[in-house]
Amino acid sequence: METKLIEGVPPLANDKEILALLAEEHDPNGPSGKAMDIALLGSDGRLYRTVRAWGLGEYLGIAQGLEGLGLTNTGRALKAHGIRFDDVFSG
């Protein structure tokens, strides 16, 4: 799993909880499977964090965890920063 904070865009108030979730779902054995990209939108609707999960297991753990933290899968398509995101979550 890889994550990147977009400079100059304010993160969600619970970003520390999101980072803890990402650390928990990270597969210590390294990349295994297809890369799946997730966009996190801040309260202003702008992309503030990107997440790349490696494989379906890591992706599902992250997606379910984000929903558990109150984020919503928007179901919309997004391409930004040269990445076509598989899912977009908003807080």
C-alpha atoms as a PDB file:
ATOM      1  CA  MET A   1       0.000   0.000   0.000  1.00  0.00           C
ATOM      2  CA  GLU A   2       1.195   3.471  -0.818  1.00  0.00           C
ATOM      3  CA  THR A   3      -0.321   6.822   0.083  1.00  0.00           C
ATOM      4  CA  LYS A   4       0.424  10.410  -0.821  1.00  0.00           C
ATOM      5  CA  LEU A   5      -0.869  13.648   0.672  1.00  0.00           C
ATOM      6  CA  ILE A   6      -1.594  16.359  -1.896  1.00  0.00           C
ATOM      7  CA  GLU A   7       0.263  19.505  -0.901  1.00  0.00           C
ATOM      8  CA  GLY A   8      -1.813  22.618  -0.253  1.00  0.00           C
ATOM      9  CA  VAL A   9      -5.141  20.808   0.195  1.00  0.00           C
ATOM     10  CA  PRO A  10      -6.506  20.547   3.750  1.00  0.00           C
ATOM     11  CA  PRO A  11      -7.002  16.948   4.927  1.00  0.00           C
ATOM     12  CA  LEU A  12     -10.119  15.599   6.581  1.00  0.00           C
ATOM     13  CA  ALA A  13     -10.346  16.093  10.332  1.00  0.00           C
ATOM     14  CA  ASN A  14      -9.996  12.327  10.867  1.00  0.00           C
ATOM     15  CA  ASP A  15      -6.943  11.905   8.620  1.00  0.00           C
ATOM     16  CA  LYS A  16      -4.902  10.492  11.525  1.00  0.00           C
ATOM     17  CA  GLU A  17      -7.514   7.739  11.902  1.00  0.00           C
ATOM     18  CA  ILE A  18      -7.357   7.127   8.151  1.00  0.00           C
ATOM     19  CA  LEU A  19      -3.552   6.794   8.332  1.00  0.00           C
ATOM     20  CA  ALA A  20      -3.908   4.321  11.213  1.00  0.00           C
ATOM     21  CA  LEU A  21      -6.360   2.290   9.119  1.00  0.00           C
ATOM     22  CA  LEU A  22      -3.976   2.308   6.155  1.00  0.00           C
ATOM     23  CA  ALA A  23      -1.115   1.124   8.366  1.00  0.00           C
ATOM     24  CA  GLU A  24      -3.331  -1.661   9.742  1.00  0.00           C
ATOM     25  CA  GLU A  25      -4.406  -2.839   6.271  1.00  0.00           C
ATOM     26  CA  HIS A  26      -0.895  -2.606   4.768  1.00  0.00           C
ATOM     27  CA  ASP A  27       0.392  -5.986   3.601  1.00  0.00           C
ATOM     28  CA  PRO A  28       3.927  -6.289   5.041  1.00  0.00           C
ATOM     29  CA  ASN A  29       4.778  -8.897   2.368  1.00  0.00           C
ATOM     30  CA  GLY A  30       4.815  -6.177  -0.264  1.00  0.00           C
ATOM     31  CA  PRO A  31       2.870  -5.728  -3.466  1.00  0.00           C
ATOM     32  CA  SER A  32       0.811  -8.723  -4.535  1.00  0.00           C
ATOM     33  CA  GLY A  33      -1.771  -8.348  -7.234  1.00  0.00           C
ATOM     34  CA  LYS A  34      -3.104  -5.533  -9.348  1.00  0.00           C
ATOM     35  CA  ALA A  35      -2.669  -1.906  -8.279  1.00  0.00           C
ATOM     36  CA  MET A  36      -5.991  -0.299  -7.319  1.00  0.00           C
ATOM     37  CA  ASP A  37      -6.104   3.454  -6.761  1.00  0.00           C
ATOM     38  CA  ILE A  38      -8.368   5.244  -4.289  1.00  0.00           C
ATOM     39  CA  ALA A  39      -8.937   9.005  -4.104  1.00  0.00           C
ATOM     40  CA  LEU A  40      -9.879  10.707  -0.840  1.00  0.00           C
ATOM     41  CA  LEU A  41     -11.697  14.017  -1.086  1.00  0.00           C
ATOM     42  CA  GLY A  42     -11.503  16.631   1.641  1.00  0.00           C
ATOM     43  CA  SER A  43     -14.463  18.486   3.115  1.00  0.00           C
ATOM     44  CA  ASP A  44     -14.102  21.050   0.311  1.00  0.00           C
ATOM     45  CA  GLY A  45     -14.508  18.305  -2.314  1.00  0.00           C
ATOM     46  CA  ARG A  46     -10.901  18.477  -3.547  1.00  0.00           C
ATOM     47  CA  LEU A  47      -8.567  15.506  -3.797  1.00  0.00           C
ATOM     48  CA  TYR A  48      -6.311  15.565  -0.740  1.00  0.00           C
ATOM     49  CA  ARG A  49      -4.889  12.019  -0.492  1.00  0.00           C
ATOM     50  CA  THR A  50      -4.204   9.188  -2.919  1.00  0.00           C
ATOM     51  CA  VAL A  51      -4.010   5.558  -1.849  1.00  0.00           C
ATOM     52  CA  ARG A  52      -2.692   2.664  -3.937  1.00  0.00           C
ATOM     53  CA  ALA A  53      -3.679  -0.782  -2.722  1.00  0.00           C
ATOM     54  CA  TRP A  54      -1.958  -3.857  -4.116  1.00  0.00           C
ATOM     55  CA  GLY A  55      -4.424  -6.666  -4.707  1.00  0.00           C
ATOM     56  CA  LEU A  56      -8.078  -7.169  -3.954  1.00  0.00           C
ATOM     57  CA  GLY A  57      -7.594  -8.170  -0.317  1.00  0.00           C
ATOM     58  CA  GLU A  58      -5.715  -5.014   0.614  1.00  0.00           C
ATOM     59  CA  TYR A  59      -8.138  -2.879  -1.408  1.00  0.00           C
ATOM     60  CA  LEU A  60     -11.267  -4.370   0.216  1.00  0.00           C
ATOM     61  CA  GLY A  61      -9.818  -3.947   3.701  1.00  0.00           C
ATOM     62  CA  ILE A  62      -9.091  -0.280   3.007  1.00  0.00           C
ATOM     63  CA  ALA A  63     -12.458   0.404   1.331  1.00  0.00           C
ATOM     64  CA  GLN A  64     -14.450  -1.238   4.124  1.00  0.00           C
ATOM     65  CA  GLY A  65     -12.342   0.514   6.743  1.00  0.00           C
ATOM     66  CA  LEU A  66     -12.918   3.921   5.131  1.00  0.00           C
ATOM     67  CA  GLU A  67     -16.668   3.293   5.173  1.00  0.00           C
ATOM     68  CA  GLY A  68     -16.349   2.290   8.833  1.00  0.00           C
ATOM     69  CA  LEU A  69     -14.749   5.681   9.508  1.00  0.00           C
ATOM     70  CA  GLY A  70     -17.757   7.411   7.950  1.00  0.00           C
ATOM     71  CA  LEU A  71     -16.440   8.078   4.448  1.00  0.00           C
ATOM     72  CA  THR A  72     -18.737   7.484   1.483  1.00  0.00           C
ATOM     73  CA  ASN A  73     -17.852   5.853  -1.813  1.00  0.00           C
ATOM     74  CA  THR A  74     -19.088   8.443  -4.304  1.00  0.00           C
ATOM     75  CA  GLY A  75     -19.291   5.998  -7.203  1.00  0.00           C
ATOM     76  CA  ARG A  76     -17.912   8.668  -9.515  1.00  0.00           C
ATOM     77  CA  ALA A  77     -14.976   8.458 -11.878  1.00  0.00           C
ATOM     78  CA  LEU A  78     -11.951  10.668 -11.345  1.00  0.00           C
ATOM     79  CA  LYS A  79      -8.693  11.138 -13.184  1.00  0.00           C
ATOM     80  CA  ALA A  80      -6.182  13.467 -11.549  1.00  0.00           C
ATOM     81  CA  HIS A  81      -2.407  13.719 -11.114  1.00  0.00           C
ATOM     82  CA  GLY A  82      -2.020  11.228 -13.967  1.00  0.00           C
ATOM     83  CA  ILE A  83      -4.001   8.548 -12.124  1.00  0.00           C
ATOM     84  CA  ARG A  84      -7.357   7.043 -13.062  1.00  0.00           C
ATOM     85  CA  PHE A  85      -8.905   6.219  -9.693  1.00  0.00           C
ATOM     86  CA  ASP A  86     -10.856   3.004  -9.196  1.00  0.00           C
ATOM     87  CA  ASP A  87     -12.855   4.541  -6.339  1.00  0.00           C
ATOM     88  CA  VAL A  88     -13.414   7.982  -4.867  1.00  0.00           C
ATOM     89  CA  PHE A  89     -14.309   8.452  -1.192  1.00  0.00           C
ATOM     90  CA  SER A  90     -15.544  11.654   0.414  1.00  0.00           C
ATOM     91  CA  GLY A  91     -15.818  12.625   4.050  1.00  0.00           C
END
